[in-house]
Protein backbone atom coordinates (compact mmCIF):
# COMPACT_ATOMS: atom_id res chain seq x y z
CA MET A 1 89.95 126.63 75.05
CA ALA A 2 92.29 127.48 77.88
CA PRO A 3 90.77 127.63 81.37
CA PHE A 4 92.00 131.20 81.84
CA PRO A 5 92.27 132.86 78.41
CA PHE A 6 93.16 136.19 80.00
CA CYS A 7 96.25 134.73 81.68
CA ARG A 8 99.37 134.65 79.50
CA ILE A 9 101.74 133.08 82.04
CA THR A 10 103.29 129.68 81.43
CA LEU A 11 104.89 127.94 84.40
CA LYS A 12 107.80 125.63 83.72
CA ALA A 13 109.74 123.61 86.29
CA GLU A 14 111.27 120.19 86.72
CA LYS A 15 109.42 117.68 88.85
CA PRO A 16 111.08 117.24 92.22
CA LEU A 17 112.29 113.81 93.22
CA LYS A 18 111.34 114.63 96.81
CA ASP A 19 108.16 115.87 98.38
CA ARG A 20 108.02 117.93 101.54
CA PHE A 21 106.74 115.12 103.78
CA SER A 22 109.15 112.31 102.97
CA LYS A 23 112.69 111.89 101.81
CA SER A 24 111.71 110.62 98.35
CA LEU A 25 108.70 109.93 96.17
CA TYR A 26 109.23 106.18 96.30
CA ARG A 27 109.79 103.77 99.12
CA ARG A 28 113.28 102.62 99.99
CA GLN A 29 112.02 99.17 100.89
CA LEU A 30 110.20 97.68 97.92
CA ARG A 31 107.18 95.84 99.31
CA THR A 32 105.03 95.44 96.20
CA ILE A 33 105.49 95.18 92.47
CA GLY A 34 103.99 98.67 92.26
CA ASP A 35 106.81 100.00 94.43
CA SER A 36 109.35 98.37 92.12
CA LEU A 37 107.69 99.74 89.00
CA LYS A 38 107.46 103.27 90.35
CA ARG A 39 111.06 103.29 91.54
CA GLU A 40 112.44 102.02 88.24
CA ARG A 41 110.20 104.35 86.23
CA LEU A 42 111.30 107.41 88.23
CA GLN A 43 114.97 106.44 88.03
CA LEU A 44 114.68 106.21 84.25
CA GLY A 45 112.79 109.51 84.10
CA MET A 46 109.79 107.88 82.44
CA THR A 47 106.18 108.98 82.69
CA GLN A 48 103.36 106.62 83.53
CA LEU A 49 102.15 107.10 79.95
CA ALA A 50 105.49 105.95 78.50
CA LEU A 51 105.50 102.86 80.71
CA ALA A 52 101.87 102.12 79.84
CA GLU A 53 102.71 102.26 76.13
CA GLN A 54 105.72 99.99 76.65
CA VAL A 55 103.66 97.39 78.55
CA ASN A 56 100.60 97.94 76.31
CA VAL A 57 98.14 98.88 79.06
CA ARG A 58 96.22 102.02 80.00
CA VAL A 59 97.75 104.72 82.20
CA GLU A 60 95.10 104.00 84.84
CA THR A 61 96.38 100.44 85.04
CA ILE A 62 99.91 101.67 85.81
CA GLN A 63 98.48 104.02 88.44
CA ASN A 64 96.55 101.14 90.04
CA TRP A 65 99.67 98.96 90.12
CA GLU A 66 101.82 101.72 91.62
CA HIS A 67 99.26 102.51 94.33
CA SER A 68 98.70 98.79 95.09
CA ARG A 69 95.04 98.90 94.12
CA SER A 70 95.59 95.89 91.88
CA ILE A 71 98.37 93.57 90.76
CA PRO A 72 99.41 92.82 87.18
CA ALA A 73 97.85 89.89 85.38
CA VAL A 74 100.15 87.02 84.43
CA CYS A 75 100.07 88.02 80.75
CA TYR A 76 101.93 91.28 81.57
CA LEU A 77 104.70 89.67 83.62
CA PRO A 78 107.17 89.06 80.74
CA LYS A 79 107.12 92.76 79.78
CA LEU A 80 107.38 93.84 83.43
CA VAL A 81 110.31 91.50 84.05
CA ASP A 82 112.04 92.97 80.97
CA PHE A 83 111.38 96.49 82.23
CA LEU A 84 112.56 95.82 85.80
CA GLY A 85 115.45 93.54 84.85
CA TYR A 86 114.39 90.93 87.40
CA ASP A 87 111.35 88.89 88.44
CA PRO A 88 109.73 90.71 91.38
CA PHE A 89 107.76 87.59 92.36
CA GLU A 90 110.81 85.35 92.61
CA PRO A 91 111.89 84.84 96.21
CA ARG A 92 115.27 86.32 96.97
CA PRO A 93 117.71 85.04 99.57
CA ILE A 94 118.01 87.05 102.75
CA TYR A 95 121.58 87.72 103.75
CA VAL A 96 122.30 88.05 107.46
CA LEU A 97 125.47 89.76 108.52
CA ASN A 98 127.43 87.66 111.01
CA THR A 99 128.57 90.03 113.75
CA SER A 100 129.59 87.43 116.34
CA ASP A 101 133.28 87.40 115.22
């Protein structure tokens, strides 16, 4: 049963990629695997449910990863690496721009 059976209005709108307090819904600097997952998921236009089905976990697990409440277990890493296209736990070289010339 609908919460308001007397109301016949249906609201439809696209989700914004920006909220009113920050420039985007995801961080520019990816600090955690949750940041990486959320950014990639939003860029692909996926829902948390779609990602959860792809990785074979519950939606709450994806939410916990994205909000840094927990980190993925090792058994999920192969699917997450496939989804992201890179290993988020692998150290990356830091490039420093030489401005002394």
